[in-house]
Amino acid sequence: MRLGRVAGTVVSTVKDDGLSGYKLLLVDEADVRGEGLNRHIVAVDTVDAGVGDVVLTVGGSSARLTQLTRDRPVDAAIVAVVETLEVEGEITYRKTDAP
């Protein structure tokens, strides 16, 4: 799993039928403070994440193991919205502190 921050949405009217009806989000890989690293991926949202949320993503074959993405042409999926990050006893990110 990787940490990321949702940077925006991706709209595609022409796509494989296996992706029809799925929300696609642009996710920037993030550090332990939830700050973006300017390394973006497109991921299928399986947990109703929104722009600005810090999320956990999975990639490769793991992205096709959620209830929504099973047997779909998916290489990245958002599987959790992060509420708190704690590193060595220090809270480095808390969702309520986010912009």
C-alpha atoms as a PDB file:
ATOM      1  CA  MET A   1       0.000   0.000   0.000  1.00  0.00           C
ATOM      2  CA  ARG A   2       1.029   3.581  -0.626  1.00  0.00           C
ATOM      3  CA  LEU A   3       0.029   6.881   0.917  1.00  0.00           C
ATOM      4  CA  GLY A   4      -1.371   9.521  -1.384  1.00  0.00           C
ATOM      5  CA  ARG A   5      -3.316  12.758  -1.412  1.00  0.00           C
ATOM      6  CA  VAL A   6      -6.221  13.126  -3.821  1.00  0.00           C
ATOM      7  CA  ALA A   7      -5.275  15.971  -6.149  1.00  0.00           C
ATOM      8  CA  GLY A   8      -8.253  15.953  -8.495  1.00  0.00           C
ATOM      9  CA  THR A   9     -10.664  14.007 -10.645  1.00  0.00           C
ATOM     10  CA  VAL A  10     -10.264  12.341 -14.015  1.00  0.00           C
ATOM     11  CA  VAL A  11     -13.149  12.417 -16.490  1.00  0.00           C
ATOM     12  CA  SER A  12     -13.158  10.026 -19.423  1.00  0.00           C
ATOM     13  CA  THR A  13     -16.258   9.556 -21.525  1.00  0.00           C
ATOM     14  CA  VAL A  14     -14.601   7.015 -23.838  1.00  0.00           C
ATOM     15  CA  LYS A  15     -13.208   4.050 -21.909  1.00  0.00           C
ATOM     16  CA  ASP A  16     -13.321   0.284 -21.551  1.00  0.00           C
ATOM     17  CA  ASP A  17     -16.780  -0.938 -20.544  1.00  0.00           C
ATOM     18  CA  GLY A  18     -15.210  -2.428 -17.406  1.00  0.00           C
ATOM     19  CA  LEU A  19     -14.573   1.113 -16.119  1.00  0.00           C
ATOM     20  CA  SER A  20     -18.027   2.535 -16.831  1.00  0.00           C
ATOM     21  CA  GLY A  21     -19.597   4.048 -13.737  1.00  0.00           C
ATOM     22  CA  TYR A  22     -16.363   4.175 -11.726  1.00  0.00           C
ATOM     23  CA  LYS A  23     -15.031   7.381 -10.168  1.00  0.00           C
ATOM     24  CA  LEU A  24     -11.426   8.001 -11.235  1.00  0.00           C
ATOM     25  CA  LEU A  25      -9.244  10.213  -9.041  1.00  0.00           C
ATOM     26  CA  LEU A  26      -5.810  11.723  -9.571  1.00  0.00           C
ATOM     27  CA  VAL A  27      -3.669  10.769  -6.565  1.00  0.00           C
ATOM     28  CA  ASP A  28      -0.312  12.300  -5.699  1.00  0.00           C
ATOM     29  CA  GLU A  29       1.968   9.982  -3.722  1.00  0.00           C
ATOM     30  CA  ALA A  30       2.414  11.465  -0.228  1.00  0.00           C
ATOM     31  CA  ASP A  31       4.963  11.503   2.577  1.00  0.00           C
ATOM     32  CA  VAL A  32       4.244  10.658   6.243  1.00  0.00           C
ATOM     33  CA  ARG A  33       2.877  14.173   6.792  1.00  0.00           C
ATOM     34  CA  GLY A  34       0.345  13.724   4.012  1.00  0.00           C
ATOM     35  CA  GLU A  35       2.197  16.169   1.752  1.00  0.00           C
ATOM     36  CA  GLY A  36       2.190  15.420  -1.972  1.00  0.00           C
ATOM     37  CA  LEU A  37       5.432  14.388  -3.697  1.00  0.00           C
ATOM     38  CA  ASN A  38       4.408  15.371  -7.246  1.00  0.00           C
ATOM     39  CA  ARG A  39       4.213  11.732  -8.423  1.00  0.00           C
ATOM     40  CA  HIS A  40       0.695  11.190  -9.722  1.00  0.00           C
ATOM     41  CA  ILE A  41      -1.342   8.118 -10.577  1.00  0.00           C
ATOM     42  CA  VAL A  42      -4.958   7.597 -11.589  1.00  0.00           C
ATOM     43  CA  ALA A  43      -6.866   5.308  -9.228  1.00  0.00           C
ATOM     44  CA  VAL A  44     -10.387   3.913  -9.049  1.00  0.00           C
ATOM     45  CA  ASP A  45     -12.102   5.195  -5.908  1.00  0.00           C
ATOM     46  CA  THR A  46     -13.659   2.355  -3.893  1.00  0.00           C
ATOM     47  CA  VAL A  47     -14.288   4.309  -0.653  1.00  0.00           C
ATOM     48  CA  ASP A  48     -15.845   7.658  -1.709  1.00  0.00           C
ATOM     49  CA  ALA A  49     -12.672   9.714  -1.199  1.00  0.00           C
ATOM     50  CA  GLY A  50     -12.583  13.374  -2.129  1.00  0.00           C
ATOM     51  CA  VAL A  51     -10.119  15.989  -3.302  1.00  0.00           C
ATOM     52  CA  GLY A  52      -7.658  16.779  -0.494  1.00  0.00           C
ATOM     53  CA  ASP A  53      -8.118  13.465   1.330  1.00  0.00           C
ATOM     54  CA  VAL A  54      -5.060  11.459   2.311  1.00  0.00           C
ATOM     55  CA  VAL A  55      -5.682   7.910   1.125  1.00  0.00           C
ATOM     56  CA  LEU A  56      -4.177   4.444   0.914  1.00  0.00           C
ATOM     57  CA  THR A  57      -3.810   3.031  -2.577  1.00  0.00           C
ATOM     58  CA  VAL A  58      -2.971  -0.433  -3.829  1.00  0.00           C
ATOM     59  CA  GLY A  59      -1.566  -1.277  -7.229  1.00  0.00           C
ATOM     60  CA  GLY A  60      -1.135  -4.121  -9.644  1.00  0.00           C
ATOM     61  CA  SER A  61      -3.089  -7.306  -9.033  1.00  0.00           C
ATOM     62  CA  SER A  62      -4.042  -6.103  -5.523  1.00  0.00           C
ATOM     63  CA  ALA A  63      -6.073  -3.306  -7.130  1.00  0.00           C
ATOM     64  CA  ARG A  64      -8.365  -5.929  -8.652  1.00  0.00           C
ATOM     65  CA  LEU A  65      -9.205  -7.589  -5.325  1.00  0.00           C
ATOM     66  CA  THR A  66     -11.823  -5.133  -4.008  1.00  0.00           C
ATOM     67  CA  GLN A  67     -15.537  -5.844  -4.381  1.00  0.00           C
ATOM     68  CA  LEU A  68     -15.874  -3.010  -6.920  1.00  0.00           C
ATOM     69  CA  THR A  69     -12.787  -3.710  -9.017  1.00  0.00           C
ATOM     70  CA  ARG A  70     -12.784  -7.511  -9.227  1.00  0.00           C
ATOM     71  CA  ASP A  71     -12.119  -8.628 -12.800  1.00  0.00           C
ATOM     72  CA  ARG A  72     -11.862  -5.025 -14.054  1.00  0.00           C
ATOM     73  CA  PRO A  73      -8.997  -3.393 -16.010  1.00  0.00           C
ATOM     74  CA  VAL A  74      -7.650  -1.596 -12.926  1.00  0.00           C
ATOM     75  CA  ASP A  75      -4.013  -1.052 -11.927  1.00  0.00           C
ATOM     76  CA  ALA A  76      -4.576   1.274  -8.933  1.00  0.00           C
ATOM     77  CA  ALA A  77      -7.395   1.558  -6.404  1.00  0.00           C
ATOM     78  CA  ILE A  78      -8.077   3.758  -3.393  1.00  0.00           C
ATOM     79  CA  VAL A  79      -8.945   1.412  -0.532  1.00  0.00           C
ATOM     80  CA  ALA A  80      -8.992   3.701   2.546  1.00  0.00           C
ATOM     81  CA  VAL A  81      -9.268   7.320   3.628  1.00  0.00           C
ATOM     82  CA  VAL A  82      -6.621   8.061   6.271  1.00  0.00           C
ATOM     83  CA  GLU A  83      -7.732   9.780   9.464  1.00  0.00           C
ATOM     84  CA  THR A  84      -4.419   9.813  11.369  1.00  0.00           C
ATOM     85  CA  LEU A  85      -0.762   9.100  10.680  1.00  0.00           C
ATOM     86  CA  GLU A  86       1.517   8.437  13.631  1.00  0.00           C
ATOM     87  CA  VAL A  87       5.272   8.012  13.200  1.00  0.00           C
ATOM     88  CA  GLU A  88       7.453   7.031  16.176  1.00  0.00           C
ATOM     89  CA  GLY A  89       4.872   8.333  18.630  1.00  0.00           C
ATOM     90  CA  GLU A  90       4.330  11.658  16.816  1.00  0.00           C
ATOM     91  CA  ILE A  91       1.052  12.441  15.061  1.00  0.00           C
ATOM     92  CA  THR A  92       2.249  13.658  11.659  1.00  0.00           C
ATOM     93  CA  TYR A  93      -1.181  14.009  10.039  1.00  0.00           C
ATOM     94  CA  ARG A  94      -4.733  14.239  11.330  1.00  0.00           C
ATOM     95  CA  LYS A  95      -7.655  14.591   8.906  1.00  0.00           C
ATOM     96  CA  THR A  96      -9.247  17.372  10.962  1.00  0.00           C
ATOM     97  CA  ASP A  97      -6.004  19.393  10.592  1.00  0.00           C
ATOM     98  CA  ALA A  98      -6.059  19.137   6.791  1.00  0.00           C
ATOM     99  CA  PRO A  99      -7.021  22.094   4.586  1.00  0.00           C
END
